[in-house]
Protein backbone atom coordinates (compact mmCIF):
# COMPACT_ATOMS: atom_id res chain seq x y z
CA UNK A 1 91.05 -15.84 62.10
CA UNK A 2 87.85 -15.94 64.18
CA UNK A 3 89.27 -18.44 66.71
CA UNK A 4 91.94 -16.05 68.05
CA UNK A 5 89.34 -13.31 68.06
CA UNK A 6 86.98 -15.31 70.25
CA UNK A 7 89.80 -16.56 72.46
CA UNK A 8 90.46 -13.00 73.55
CA UNK A 9 86.93 -12.54 74.85
CA UNK A 10 87.60 -14.32 78.14
CA UNK A 11 90.38 -11.86 78.91
CA UNK A 12 87.95 -8.95 78.75
CA UNK A 13 85.89 -9.91 81.80
CA UNK A 14 84.75 -6.92 83.81
CA UNK A 15 84.70 -7.05 87.59
CA UNK A 16 81.32 -6.20 89.10
CA UNK A 17 82.77 -3.29 91.11
CA UNK A 18 84.19 -1.75 87.90
CA UNK A 19 80.85 -1.74 86.06
CA UNK A 20 79.18 1.61 85.65
CA UNK A 21 75.41 1.84 85.99
CA UNK A 22 73.55 1.89 82.71
CA UNK A 23 72.71 5.39 81.52
CA UNK A 24 69.31 5.85 79.86
CA UNK A 25 69.27 6.94 76.23
CA UNK A 26 66.64 8.19 73.80
CA UNK A 27 64.52 5.33 72.50
CA UNK A 28 64.81 3.20 75.65
CA UNK A 29 61.62 1.79 77.17
CA UNK A 30 61.28 2.08 80.93
CA UNK A 31 58.89 0.29 83.29
CA UNK A 32 57.88 2.59 86.13
CA UNK A 33 55.75 1.65 89.11
CA UNK A 34 54.78 3.32 92.36
CA UNK A 35 54.12 0.95 95.25
CA UNK A 36 50.43 0.84 96.22
CA UNK A 37 49.52 3.17 93.34
CA UNK A 38 48.57 0.77 90.53
CA UNK A 39 47.22 3.56 88.31
CA UNK A 40 50.78 4.95 88.17
CA UNK A 41 52.30 1.74 86.81
CA UNK A 42 53.23 2.09 83.16
CA UNK A 43 55.81 1.67 80.42
CA UNK A 44 57.25 4.87 78.99
CA UNK A 45 59.34 5.54 75.91
CA UNK A 46 62.20 8.01 76.24
CA UNK A 47 61.61 10.53 73.46
CA UNK A 48 64.35 11.69 71.05
CA UNK A 49 64.66 14.89 73.10
CA UNK A 50 65.54 12.76 76.16
CA UNK A 51 62.40 13.19 78.21
CA UNK A 52 59.14 11.44 79.00
CA UNK A 53 55.89 12.39 80.70
CA UNK A 54 54.70 10.69 83.87
CA UNK A 55 51.39 11.30 85.68
CA UNK A 56 51.65 13.78 88.57
CA UNK A 57 55.41 14.10 88.04
CA UNK A 58 55.10 15.89 84.71
CA UNK A 59 58.10 16.04 82.41
CA UNK A 60 61.14 13.99 83.41
CA UNK A 61 64.53 14.37 81.73
CA UNK A 62 66.05 10.87 81.45
CA UNK A 63 69.08 11.10 79.14
CA UNK A 64 72.32 9.93 80.78
CA UNK A 65 70.66 9.27 84.13
CA UNK A 66 70.88 5.95 85.95
CA UNK A 67 67.79 4.03 87.03
CA UNK A 68 68.54 5.04 90.63
CA UNK A 69 68.65 8.74 89.71
CA UNK A 70 65.31 8.48 87.88
CA UNK A 71 63.70 6.70 90.84
CA UNK A 72 64.84 9.48 93.17
CA UNK A 73 63.70 12.27 90.83
CA UNK A 74 60.25 10.79 90.23
CA UNK A 75 59.82 10.09 93.96
CA UNK A 76 60.68 13.68 94.78
CA UNK A 77 58.19 15.02 92.22
CA UNK A 78 55.44 12.71 93.51
CA UNK A 79 55.84 13.72 97.18
CA UNK A 80 53.54 16.69 96.51
CA UNK A 81 50.70 14.21 95.92
CA UNK A 82 51.71 10.92 97.57
CA UNK A 83 53.35 10.66 101.00
CA UNK A 84 56.69 8.81 100.82
CA UNK A 85 56.24 7.29 97.35
CA UNK A 86 58.25 4.16 96.60
CA UNK A 87 59.16 4.29 92.91
CA UNK A 88 60.70 1.47 90.92
CA UNK A 89 62.23 2.09 87.49
CA UNK A 90 63.62 -0.66 85.30
CA UNK A 91 64.86 -0.69 81.74
CA UNK A 92 62.48 -2.84 79.73
CA UNK A 93 64.21 -2.50 76.38
CA UNK A 94 67.43 -0.86 75.29
CA UNK A 95 66.73 0.43 71.81
CA UNK A 96 69.41 3.02 71.60
CA UNK A 97 72.69 1.19 72.17
CA UNK A 98 73.60 0.55 68.55
CA UNK A 99 77.08 0.16 67.13
CA UNK A 100 78.16 -0.27 63.53
CA UNK A 101 80.85 -2.59 62.19
CA UNK A 102 81.73 -1.98 58.54
CA UNK A 103 84.40 -2.97 56.07
CA UNK A 104 86.21 -6.27 55.72
CA UNK A 105 84.32 -8.38 58.25
CA UNK A 106 82.16 -11.45 57.66
CA UNK A 107 78.86 -9.80 58.67
CA UNK A 108 79.02 -5.99 58.55
CA UNK A 109 76.03 -4.21 59.99
CA UNK A 110 74.26 -2.57 62.89
CA UNK A 111 74.32 -4.36 66.25
CA UNK A 112 72.19 -3.62 69.32
CA UNK A 113 74.54 -4.35 72.21
CA UNK A 114 74.81 -4.02 75.96
CA UNK A 115 76.72 -1.01 77.28
CA UNK A 116 79.89 -2.96 78.12
CA UNK A 117 80.78 -4.27 74.65
CA UNK A 118 84.36 -3.59 73.60
CA UNK A 119 86.04 -3.55 70.19
CA UNK A 120 87.07 -7.23 70.20
CA UNK A 121 83.56 -8.31 71.14
CA UNK A 122 82.08 -6.15 68.36
CA UNK A 123 84.43 -7.76 65.84
CA UNK A 124 83.30 -11.19 67.06
CA UNK A 125 79.64 -10.16 66.62
CA UNK A 126 80.49 -9.25 63.03
CA UNK A 127 81.84 -12.76 62.46
CA UNK A 128 85.53 -11.88 62.49
CA UNK A 129 87.62 -10.60 59.64
CA UNK A 130 87.20 -11.38 55.96
CA UNK A 131 90.08 -12.06 53.60
CA UNK A 132 92.54 -9.21 53.13
CA UNK A 133 91.36 -7.26 56.19
CA UNK A 134 94.01 -4.86 57.41
CA UNK A 135 93.76 -5.82 61.07
CA UNK A 136 96.45 -3.37 62.13
CA UNK A 137 94.62 -0.34 60.65
CA UNK A 138 91.17 -0.57 62.27
CA UNK A 139 89.53 2.74 63.21
CA UNK A 140 86.83 3.46 65.75
CA UNK A 141 84.82 6.58 64.91
CA UNK A 142 82.92 8.34 67.69
CA UNK A 143 80.76 11.42 67.43
CA UNK A 144 80.93 13.70 70.44
CA UNK A 145 78.46 16.52 69.87
CA UNK A 146 79.62 18.31 66.73
CA UNK A 147 83.08 16.73 66.88
CA UNK A 148 84.14 13.37 65.49
CA UNK A 149 86.92 11.43 67.19
CA UNK A 150 88.96 8.62 65.68
CA UNK A 151 90.73 5.90 67.65
CA UNK A 152 93.24 3.49 66.12
CA UNK A 153 92.90 -0.19 66.93
CA UNK A 154 95.58 -2.74 66.07
CA UNK A 155 94.18 -6.26 66.39
CA UNK A 156 97.63 -7.79 65.86
CA UNK A 157 98.76 -6.13 69.08
CA UNK A 158 95.76 -7.57 70.92
CA UNK A 159 96.59 -11.07 69.60
CA UNK A 160 100.07 -10.70 71.10
CA UNK A 161 98.76 -9.37 74.41
CA UNK A 162 100.14 -5.88 73.78
CA UNK A 163 98.45 -2.46 74.01
CA UNK A 164 95.34 -3.97 75.56
CA UNK A 165 94.13 -0.52 76.60
CA UNK A 166 93.15 0.15 72.97
CA UNK A 167 90.32 -2.39 73.38
CA UNK A 168 87.94 0.34 74.55
CA UNK A 169 84.30 -0.02 75.50
CA UNK A 170 82.13 1.10 72.62
CA UNK A 171 79.47 3.74 73.02
CA UNK A 172 76.15 4.00 71.25
CA UNK A 173 76.70 5.23 67.70
CA UNK A 174 80.34 4.15 67.48
CA UNK A 175 81.51 2.88 64.09
CA UNK A 176 84.22 0.22 63.82
CA UNK A 177 85.88 0.45 60.39
CA UNK A 178 87.95 -2.52 59.18
CA UNK A 179 89.82 -1.53 55.98
């Protein structure tokens, strides 16, 4: 059953103009440098509260911001001390983008993934279905603040090229349940 699962991966290609910029999450490591200011080059860890401290800029709120937004914010804060600072921010390590695949799959567990992984790709990471998996009753659980959402996923439809819009991109913390 893994072969049809992997065969569907090529159909999920994302065009470059459709890709959303990565949004920083708690636990991510960022490399930050200021051109011609070597003492301001460092790696920072985004704290669980979503912020980090940076010399001269003070506290910076990073959660759900793109790299570009962080560069602009830090540059603006540094202009008090450095004329026309050129700030570069890059994501060194994505710690926070974890999804969970549980139930009747070959390798259930926690997977650290890139932000564009969809349900079919997550099932492939988990090794495909095990015997007696109910592939038409898969659930995706997503916590949104205090609320929990549930999305149905019918793999049989995907195999037949139907209801492809159910193959949603997974978000950090999503749980794929295969009964």
